[in-house]
Amino acid sequence: MIRAIAVDDEPPALRILSNFCGRVDFIELQKTFFRANEALDFLATNAVDLIFLDINMPALSGLDFHKLLPQPTLVIFTTAYSEYAVEGFTLNAADYLLKPFTFDRFEQAVNKARDAYQFRQQQTERGKPAYLYVRADYRLYQIPLSDILFIEGLDDYLKIHRQQEKPVVCRMTMKAILQQLPETAASPERFSRVHRSFIVPMNRIEAVRNKTILLAGHEIPIGASYEADFFRQFGT
C-alpha cells in the first residue's frame, strides 16, 4: 500500500483526488491539505510515499514546496497551467496531471508512481548502498546507514551522531525516522529504539552493562518499556 497525501489550495481539486484515490486499491490517501505549511508540518513527523502536489499555490508554490521536503518522496504534480510541465519533470516527478484530468489519466499517473515505488523497494532489497535522507540547515543530507553511531531525540528534533562527521540536527520525530531505517534481522544494518530518546544500530553495540549500552565511547540507557524487546533482538 502506497501512503499518500494531497496538497492543493482548491477544495474541489482535493475532493476529486480523494474520490479517485478511493477507486485505486494500492493508494492510501492519509490526509489532504488546503495550506502548504500545514502539509510541511505533517511531513516533518510523518513519512509518506507519494504526494499529489498542486504547483500554483498562493503562499508557497508546489515547486518551492518540493525543495523543502524533509526526505525524498515521489510526487505527482497537478496544475491547470501546462507551462509548468517542463520544470515539474526536471524535479524527477513521477508524473504531471494537467487539470481537469480524467480518472483514466489519473490511473495512468499512479501506475507510474507505483512502478517507481516498487523499483525503489527492489533496489533496497538487492543490497544497494543504503542511506538515510534528512533535510537540515537548508540542505538535503544523504547519510550512509553504516556511518550512523546512534540517533538522539530532542523534543521535535533529532541529532544524528555520525562516525566521521559532525552530528546532523533535523526537525523530525523518532517515529518518522524509524520508518526510514531497517529494523529486520535480515538487514546488516538493523536499528532498534532502545529508549524514548535513543535509536541505535545493533551491529555497533560493543557491550551491555546492566541497562546501559556501550557504543563508540558513549553510554546509551535502555528504557524500561523497550528493555524486553531489546534483549530479544540482542540475543538473535
C-alpha atoms as a PDB file:
ATOM      1  CA  MET A   1       0.000   0.000   0.000  1.00  0.00           C
ATOM      2  CA  ILE A   2       1.376   3.416  -1.025  1.00  0.00           C
ATOM      3  CA  ARG A   3       0.827   6.093   1.621  1.00  0.00           C
ATOM      4  CA  ALA A   4      -0.134   9.423   0.062  1.00  0.00           C
ATOM      5  CA  ILE A   5      -1.213  12.972   0.849  1.00  0.00           C
ATOM      6  CA  ALA A   6      -2.638  15.701  -1.408  1.00  0.00           C
ATOM      7  CA  VAL A   7      -1.818  19.420  -1.267  1.00  0.00           C
ATOM      8  CA  ASP A   8      -3.966  21.915  -3.202  1.00  0.00           C
ATOM      9  CA  ASP A   9      -5.416  25.345  -2.419  1.00  0.00           C
ATOM     10  CA  GLU A  10      -8.671  24.459  -4.230  1.00  0.00           C
ATOM     11  CA  PRO A  11     -11.094  22.278  -2.181  1.00  0.00           C
ATOM     12  CA  PRO A  12     -12.847  20.886  -5.317  1.00  0.00           C
ATOM     13  CA  ALA A  13      -9.482  19.573  -6.559  1.00  0.00           C
ATOM     14  CA  LEU A  14      -8.875  17.839  -3.226  1.00  0.00           C
ATOM     15  CA  ARG A  15     -12.328  16.239  -3.390  1.00  0.00           C
ATOM     16  CA  ILE A  16     -11.583  14.878  -6.870  1.00  0.00           C
ATOM     17  CA  LEU A  17      -8.246  13.455  -5.725  1.00  0.00           C
ATOM     18  CA  SER A  18      -9.889  11.863  -2.686  1.00  0.00           C
ATOM     19  CA  ASN A  19     -12.534  10.295  -4.907  1.00  0.00           C
ATOM     20  CA  PHE A  20     -10.025   8.990  -7.434  1.00  0.00           C
ATOM     21  CA  CYS A  21      -7.688   7.600  -4.748  1.00  0.00           C
ATOM     22  CA  GLY A  22     -10.631   5.752  -3.245  1.00  0.00           C
ATOM     23  CA  ARG A  23     -11.079   3.942  -6.559  1.00  0.00           C
ATOM     24  CA  VAL A  24      -7.468   2.639  -6.589  1.00  0.00           C
ATOM     25  CA  ASP A  25      -6.692  -0.309  -4.355  1.00  0.00           C
ATOM     26  CA  PHE A  26      -2.981   0.413  -3.809  1.00  0.00           C
ATOM     27  CA  ILE A  27      -3.213   4.089  -2.746  1.00  0.00           C
ATOM     28  CA  GLU A  28      -4.000   5.074   0.853  1.00  0.00           C
ATOM     29  CA  LEU A  29      -4.725   8.817   0.895  1.00  0.00           C
ATOM     30  CA  GLN A  30      -3.902   9.600   4.507  1.00  0.00           C
ATOM     31  CA  LYS A  31      -4.676  13.321   4.530  1.00  0.00           C
ATOM     32  CA  THR A  32      -5.443  16.318   2.310  1.00  0.00           C
ATOM     33  CA  PHE A  33      -4.143  19.846   2.868  1.00  0.00           C
ATOM     34  CA  PHE A  34      -5.519  23.200   1.787  1.00  0.00           C
ATOM     35  CA  ARG A  35      -2.461  25.034   3.165  1.00  0.00           C
ATOM     36  CA  ALA A  36       1.070  24.091   2.145  1.00  0.00           C
ATOM     37  CA  ASN A  37       2.631  24.990   5.508  1.00  0.00           C
ATOM     38  CA  GLU A  38       0.326  22.540   7.305  1.00  0.00           C
ATOM     39  CA  ALA A  39       1.390  19.797   4.890  1.00  0.00           C
ATOM     40  CA  LEU A  40       5.062  20.519   5.625  1.00  0.00           C
ATOM     41  CA  ASP A  41       4.387  20.314   9.367  1.00  0.00           C
ATOM     42  CA  PHE A  42       2.718  16.937   8.838  1.00  0.00           C
ATOM     43  CA  LEU A  43       5.633  15.648   6.750  1.00  0.00           C
ATOM     44  CA  ALA A  44       8.135  16.667   9.420  1.00  0.00           C
ATOM     45  CA  THR A  45       6.708  13.972  11.688  1.00  0.00           C
ATOM     46  CA  ASN A  46       5.072  11.509   9.279  1.00  0.00           C
ATOM     47  CA  ALA A  47       6.570   9.507   6.424  1.00  0.00           C
ATOM     48  CA  VAL A  48       4.617   9.180   3.173  1.00  0.00           C
ATOM     49  CA  ASP A  49       5.449   7.553  -0.147  1.00  0.00           C
ATOM     50  CA  LEU A  50       3.610   9.839  -2.593  1.00  0.00           C
ATOM     51  CA  ILE A  51       2.409  13.459  -2.716  1.00  0.00           C
ATOM     52  CA  PHE A  52      -0.200  14.868  -5.093  1.00  0.00           C
ATOM     53  CA  LEU A  53       1.059  18.438  -5.287  1.00  0.00           C
ATOM     54  CA  ASP A  54      -0.534  21.479  -6.899  1.00  0.00           C
ATOM     55  CA  ILE A  55       2.028  23.828  -8.418  1.00  0.00           C
ATOM     56  CA  ASN A  56       0.216  27.173  -8.494  1.00  0.00           C
ATOM     57  CA  MET A  57      -0.497  27.894  -4.808  1.00  0.00           C
ATOM     58  CA  PRO A  58      -0.537  31.414  -3.313  1.00  0.00           C
ATOM     59  CA  ALA A  59       1.717  31.282  -0.248  1.00  0.00           C
ATOM     60  CA  LEU A  60       4.182  28.640  -1.447  1.00  0.00           C
ATOM     61  CA  SER A  61       4.359  27.182  -4.949  1.00  0.00           C
ATOM     62  CA  GLY A  62       4.433  23.430  -5.407  1.00  0.00           C
ATOM     63  CA  LEU A  63       7.906  23.694  -6.924  1.00  0.00           C
ATOM     64  CA  ASP A  64       9.237  25.504  -3.842  1.00  0.00           C
ATOM     65  CA  PHE A  65       7.321  23.094  -1.592  1.00  0.00           C
ATOM     66  CA  HIS A  66       9.102  20.199  -3.315  1.00  0.00           C
ATOM     67  CA  LYS A  67      12.500  21.699  -2.423  1.00  0.00           C
ATOM     68  CA  LEU A  68      11.515  21.819   1.268  1.00  0.00           C
ATOM     69  CA  LEU A  69      10.513  18.163   1.576  1.00  0.00           C
ATOM     70  CA  PRO A  70      12.170  16.599   4.654  1.00  0.00           C
ATOM     71  CA  GLN A  71      13.033  13.459   2.652  1.00  0.00           C
ATOM     72  CA  PRO A  72      12.913  12.288  -0.982  1.00  0.00           C
ATOM     73  CA  THR A  73       9.310  11.449  -1.849  1.00  0.00           C
ATOM     74  CA  LEU A  74       7.509  10.521  -5.055  1.00  0.00           C
ATOM     75  CA  VAL A  75       5.489  13.462  -6.374  1.00  0.00           C
ATOM     76  CA  ILE A  76       2.708  13.771  -8.937  1.00  0.00           C
ATOM     77  CA  PHE A  77       2.314  17.446  -9.802  1.00  0.00           C
ATOM     78  CA  THR A  78      -1.180  18.767 -10.557  1.00  0.00           C
ATOM     79  CA  THR A  79      -1.927  22.150 -12.136  1.00  0.00           C
ATOM     80  CA  ALA A  80      -4.081  23.956 -14.655  1.00  0.00           C
ATOM     81  CA  TYR A  81      -1.020  25.551 -16.261  1.00  0.00           C
ATOM     82  CA  SER A  82       0.806  23.464 -18.855  1.00  0.00           C
ATOM     83  CA  GLU A  83       3.846  25.771 -18.885  1.00  0.00           C
ATOM     84  CA  TYR A  84       4.917  24.271 -15.552  1.00  0.00           C
ATOM     85  CA  ALA A  85       5.268  20.771 -17.004  1.00  0.00           C
ATOM     86  CA  VAL A  86       8.912  21.009 -18.047  1.00  0.00           C
ATOM     87  CA  GLU A  87      10.058  22.381 -14.691  1.00  0.00           C
ATOM     88  CA  GLY A  88       7.999  19.739 -12.910  1.00  0.00           C
ATOM     89  CA  PHE A  89       9.755  16.941 -14.741  1.00  0.00           C
ATOM     90  CA  THR A  90      13.201  18.411 -14.062  1.00  0.00           C
ATOM     91  CA  LEU A  91      12.454  17.697 -10.391  1.00  0.00           C
ATOM     92  CA  ASN A  92      12.061  13.987 -11.259  1.00  0.00           C
ATOM     93  CA  ALA A  93       8.313  13.981 -10.716  1.00  0.00           C
ATOM     94  CA  ALA A  94       6.597  10.617 -11.138  1.00  0.00           C
ATOM     95  CA  ASP A  95       4.085  12.329 -13.438  1.00  0.00           C
ATOM     96  CA  TYR A  96       2.302  15.579 -14.217  1.00  0.00           C
ATOM     97  CA  LEU A  97      -1.506  15.918 -14.299  1.00  0.00           C
ATOM     98  CA  LEU A  98      -2.999  18.825 -16.201  1.00  0.00           C
ATOM     99  CA  LYS A  99      -6.346  19.923 -14.738  1.00  0.00           C
ATOM    100  CA  PRO A 100      -9.042  18.949 -15.398  1.00  0.00           C
ATOM    101  CA  PHE A 101      -7.923  15.327 -15.696  1.00  0.00           C
ATOM    102  CA  THR A 102      -9.961  12.164 -16.107  1.00  0.00           C
ATOM    103  CA  PHE A 103      -9.841   9.100 -13.899  1.00  0.00           C
ATOM    104  CA  ASP A 104      -8.111   7.192 -16.716  1.00  0.00           C
ATOM    105  CA  ARG A 105      -5.321   9.787 -16.813  1.00  0.00           C
ATOM    106  CA  PHE A 106      -5.108   9.746 -13.006  1.00  0.00           C
ATOM    107  CA  GLU A 107      -4.846   5.949 -13.034  1.00  0.00           C
ATOM    108  CA  GLN A 108      -2.023   6.141 -15.563  1.00  0.00           C
ATOM    109  CA  ALA A 109      -0.131   8.545 -13.286  1.00  0.00           C
ATOM    110  CA  VAL A 110      -0.497   6.473 -10.118  1.00  0.00           C
ATOM    111  CA  ASN A 111       0.532   3.334 -12.009  1.00  0.00           C
ATOM    112  CA  LYS A 112       3.759   5.124 -12.950  1.00  0.00           C
ATOM    113  CA  ALA A 113       4.220   6.114  -9.322  1.00  0.00           C
ATOM    114  CA  ARG A 114       3.660   2.510  -8.226  1.00  0.00           C
ATOM    115  CA  ASP A 115       6.298   1.303 -10.706  1.00  0.00           C
ATOM    116  CA  ALA A 116       8.778   3.864  -9.336  1.00  0.00           C
ATOM    117  CA  TYR A 117       7.935   2.884  -5.762  1.00  0.00           C
ATOM    118  CA  GLN A 118       8.427  -0.825  -6.470  1.00  0.00           C
ATOM    119  CA  PHE A 119      11.728  -0.128  -8.213  1.00  0.00           C
ATOM    120  CA  ARG A 120      12.984   1.722  -5.135  1.00  0.00           C
ATOM    121  CA  GLN A 121      11.955  -1.184  -2.924  1.00  0.00           C
ATOM    122  CA  GLN A 122      13.711  -3.695  -5.183  1.00  0.00           C
ATOM    123  CA  GLN A 123      16.915  -1.653  -5.196  1.00  0.00           C
ATOM    124  CA  THR A 124      16.957  -1.688  -1.395  1.00  0.00           C
ATOM    125  CA  GLU A 125      16.294  -5.417  -1.225  1.00  0.00           C
ATOM    126  CA  ARG A 126      19.160  -6.120  -3.630  1.00  0.00           C
ATOM    127  CA  GLY A 127      21.620  -4.721  -1.129  1.00  0.00           C
ATOM    128  CA  LYS A 128      22.412  -1.442  -2.849  1.00  0.00           C
ATOM    129  CA  PRO A 129      24.137   1.196  -0.674  1.00  0.00           C
ATOM    130  CA  ALA A 130      21.615   2.191   1.976  1.00  0.00           C
ATOM    131  CA  TYR A 131      21.204   5.804   3.004  1.00  0.00           C
ATOM    132  CA  LEU A 132      19.141   7.932   5.327  1.00  0.00           C
ATOM    133  CA  TYR A 133      17.822  11.145   3.766  1.00  0.00           C
ATOM    134  CA  VAL A 134      17.120  14.113   6.042  1.00  0.00           C
ATOM    135  CA  ARG A 135      16.771  17.843   5.471  1.00  0.00           C
ATOM    136  CA  ALA A 136      18.659  20.184   7.795  1.00  0.00           C
ATOM    137  CA  ASP A 137      20.441  23.541   7.518  1.00  0.00           C
ATOM    138  CA  TYR A 138      18.626  24.192   4.225  1.00  0.00           C
ATOM    139  CA  ARG A 139      20.285  21.110   2.719  1.00  0.00           C
ATOM    140  CA  LEU A 140      19.268  17.537   1.958  1.00  0.00           C
ATOM    141  CA  TYR A 141      21.723  15.149   3.618  1.00  0.00           C
ATOM    142  CA  GLN A 142      22.388  11.665   2.275  1.00  0.00           C
ATOM    143  CA  ILE A 143      23.791   9.774   5.251  1.00  0.00           C
ATOM    144  CA  PRO A 144      25.089   6.211   4.786  1.00  0.00           C
ATOM    145  CA  LEU A 145      23.446   3.973   7.359  1.00  0.00           C
ATOM    146  CA  SER A 146      26.862   2.469   8.069  1.00  0.00           C
ATOM    147  CA  ASP A 147      28.090   5.890   9.310  1.00  0.00           C
ATOM    148  CA  ILE A 148      25.387   6.344  11.953  1.00  0.00           C
ATOM    149  CA  LEU A 149      26.577   5.815  15.526  1.00  0.00           C
ATOM    150  CA  PHE A 150      23.195   6.484  17.140  1.00  0.00           C
ATOM    151  CA  ILE A 151      20.221   8.849  16.926  1.00  0.00           C
ATOM    152  CA  GLU A 152      19.212  11.054  19.829  1.00  0.00           C
ATOM    153  CA  GLY A 153      15.757  12.564  20.253  1.00  0.00           C
ATOM    154  CA  LEU A 154      15.459  16.199  21.377  1.00  0.00           C
ATOM    155  CA  ASP A 155      11.754  17.097  21.573  1.00  0.00           C
ATOM    156  CA  ASP A 156      10.710  17.680  17.923  1.00  0.00           C
ATOM    157  CA  TYR A 157      14.303  17.458  16.699  1.00  0.00           C
ATOM    158  CA  LEU A 158      16.732  14.608  16.174  1.00  0.00           C
ATOM    159  CA  LYS A 159      20.507  14.598  16.494  1.00  0.00           C
ATOM    160  CA  ILE A 160      22.096  12.037  14.190  1.00  0.00           C
ATOM    161  CA  HIS A 161      25.562  11.165  15.519  1.00  0.00           C
ATOM    162  CA  ARG A 162      27.949  10.099  12.756  1.00  0.00           C
ATOM    163  CA  GLN A 163      31.243   8.217  12.698  1.00  0.00           C
ATOM    164  CA  GLN A 164      33.356  10.629  10.647  1.00  0.00           C
ATOM    165  CA  GLU A 165      31.356  13.866  10.518  1.00  0.00           C
ATOM    166  CA  LYS A 166      29.748  16.224  12.996  1.00  0.00           C
ATOM    167  CA  PRO A 167      26.149  15.390  14.050  1.00  0.00           C
ATOM    168  CA  VAL A 168      23.218  16.444  11.880  1.00  0.00           C
ATOM    169  CA  VAL A 169      20.287  18.075  13.697  1.00  0.00           C
ATOM    170  CA  CYS A 170      16.966  17.886  11.855  1.00  0.00           C
ATOM    171  CA  ARG A 171      13.316  18.566  12.626  1.00  0.00           C
ATOM    172  CA  MET A 172      11.785  15.097  12.710  1.00  0.00           C
ATOM    173  CA  THR A 173      10.267  12.653  15.196  1.00  0.00           C
ATOM    174  CA  MET A 174      11.601   9.278  16.300  1.00  0.00           C
ATOM    175  CA  LYS A 175       8.565   7.583  14.782  1.00  0.00           C
ATOM    176  CA  ALA A 176       9.121   9.172  11.374  1.00  0.00           C
ATOM    177  CA  ILE A 177      12.813   8.330  11.188  1.00  0.00           C
ATOM    178  CA  LEU A 178      12.240   4.731  12.268  1.00  0.00           C
ATOM    179  CA  GLN A 179      10.088   4.293   9.164  1.00  0.00           C
ATOM    180  CA  GLN A 180      13.211   5.006   7.084  1.00  0.00           C
ATOM    181  CA  LEU A 181      15.501   2.643   8.994  1.00  0.00           C
ATOM    182  CA  PRO A 182      15.820  -1.153   8.600  1.00  0.00           C
ATOM    183  CA  GLU A 183      14.585  -2.996  11.684  1.00  0.00           C
ATOM    184  CA  THR A 184      14.619  -6.620  10.496  1.00  0.00           C
ATOM    185  CA  ALA A 185      17.240  -9.188  11.486  1.00  0.00           C
ATOM    186  CA  ALA A 186      17.905  -9.890   7.784  1.00  0.00           C
ATOM    187  CA  SER A 187      19.409  -6.417   7.328  1.00  0.00           C
ATOM    188  CA  PRO A 188      23.141  -5.991   8.053  1.00  0.00           C
ATOM    189  CA  GLU A 189      22.304  -2.537   9.439  1.00  0.00           C
ATOM    190  CA  ARG A 190      19.431  -3.142  11.810  1.00  0.00           C
ATOM    191  CA  PHE A 191      18.302  -0.282  14.021  1.00  0.00           C
ATOM    192  CA  SER A 192      16.356  -0.508  17.251  1.00  0.00           C
ATOM    193  CA  ARG A 193      14.741   2.050  19.509  1.00  0.00           C
ATOM    194  CA  VAL A 194      16.094   1.329  22.968  1.00  0.00           C
ATOM    195  CA  HIS A 195      14.826   4.393  24.840  1.00  0.00           C
ATOM    196  CA  ARG A 196      12.278   7.139  24.237  1.00  0.00           C
ATOM    197  CA  SER A 197      15.243   9.326  23.229  1.00  0.00           C
ATOM    198  CA  PHE A 198      17.638   6.883  21.539  1.00  0.00           C
ATOM    199  CA  ILE A 199      17.847   4.677  18.437  1.00  0.00           C
ATOM    200  CA  VAL A 200      20.947   2.540  17.947  1.00  0.00           C
ATOM    201  CA  PRO A 201      22.370   0.337  15.159  1.00  0.00           C
ATOM    202  CA  MET A 202      22.509  -3.152  16.648  1.00  0.00           C
ATOM    203  CA  ASN A 203      25.763  -4.056  14.865  1.00  0.00           C
ATOM    204  CA  ARG A 204      27.635  -1.217  16.609  1.00  0.00           C
ATOM    205  CA  ILE A 205      26.875  -2.324  20.160  1.00  0.00           C
ATOM    206  CA  GLU A 206      30.125  -3.208  21.896  1.00  0.00           C
ATOM    207  CA  ALA A 207      28.709  -4.384  25.215  1.00  0.00           C
ATOM    208  CA  VAL A 208      25.721  -4.128  27.531  1.00  0.00           C
ATOM    209  CA  ARG A 209      26.268  -3.433  31.220  1.00  0.00           C
ATOM    210  CA  ASN A 210      23.152  -3.692  33.375  1.00  0.00           C
ATOM    211  CA  LYS A 211      20.729  -1.458  31.446  1.00  0.00           C
ATOM    212  CA  THR A 212      23.340   0.564  29.608  1.00  0.00           C
ATOM    213  CA  ILE A 213      24.609   0.076  26.057  1.00  0.00           C
ATOM    214  CA  LEU A 214      28.299   0.791  25.414  1.00  0.00           C
ATOM    215  CA  LEU A 215      28.794   2.102  21.903  1.00  0.00           C
ATOM    216  CA  ALA A 216      31.715   4.041  20.360  1.00  0.00           C
ATOM    217  CA  GLY A 217      32.663   5.649  23.667  1.00  0.00           C
ATOM    218  CA  HIS A 218      29.054   6.532  24.546  1.00  0.00           C
ATOM    219  CA  GLU A 219      26.713   5.116  27.165  1.00  0.00           C
ATOM    220  CA  ILE A 220      23.125   4.732  25.956  1.00  0.00           C
ATOM    221  CA  PRO A 221      20.413   3.943  28.534  1.00  0.00           C
ATOM    222  CA  ILE A 222      17.854   1.211  27.871  1.00  0.00           C
ATOM    223  CA  GLY A 223      14.343   2.394  28.717  1.00  0.00           C
ATOM    224  CA  ALA A 224      12.121   0.149  30.817  1.00  0.00           C
ATOM    225  CA  SER A 225       9.411  -0.082  28.146  1.00  0.00           C
ATOM    226  CA  TYR A 226      11.993  -1.071  25.493  1.00  0.00           C
ATOM    227  CA  GLU A 227      14.021  -3.497  27.603  1.00  0.00           C
ATOM    228  CA  ALA A 228      12.274  -6.777  26.750  1.00  0.00           C
ATOM    229  CA  ASP A 229      12.249  -6.121  23.002  1.00  0.00           C
ATOM    230  CA  PHE A 230      15.890  -5.013  23.008  1.00  0.00           C
ATOM    231  CA  PHE A 231      17.203  -8.099  24.776  1.00  0.00           C
ATOM    232  CA  ARG A 232      15.111 -10.315  22.493  1.00  0.00           C
ATOM    233  CA  GLN A 233      16.768  -8.693  19.469  1.00  0.00           C
ATOM    234  CA  PHE A 234      20.221  -8.545  21.040  1.00  0.00           C
ATOM    235  CA  GLY A 235      20.173 -12.264  21.630  1.00  0.00           C
ATOM    236  CA  THR A 236      19.363 -13.113  17.967  1.00  0.00           C
END
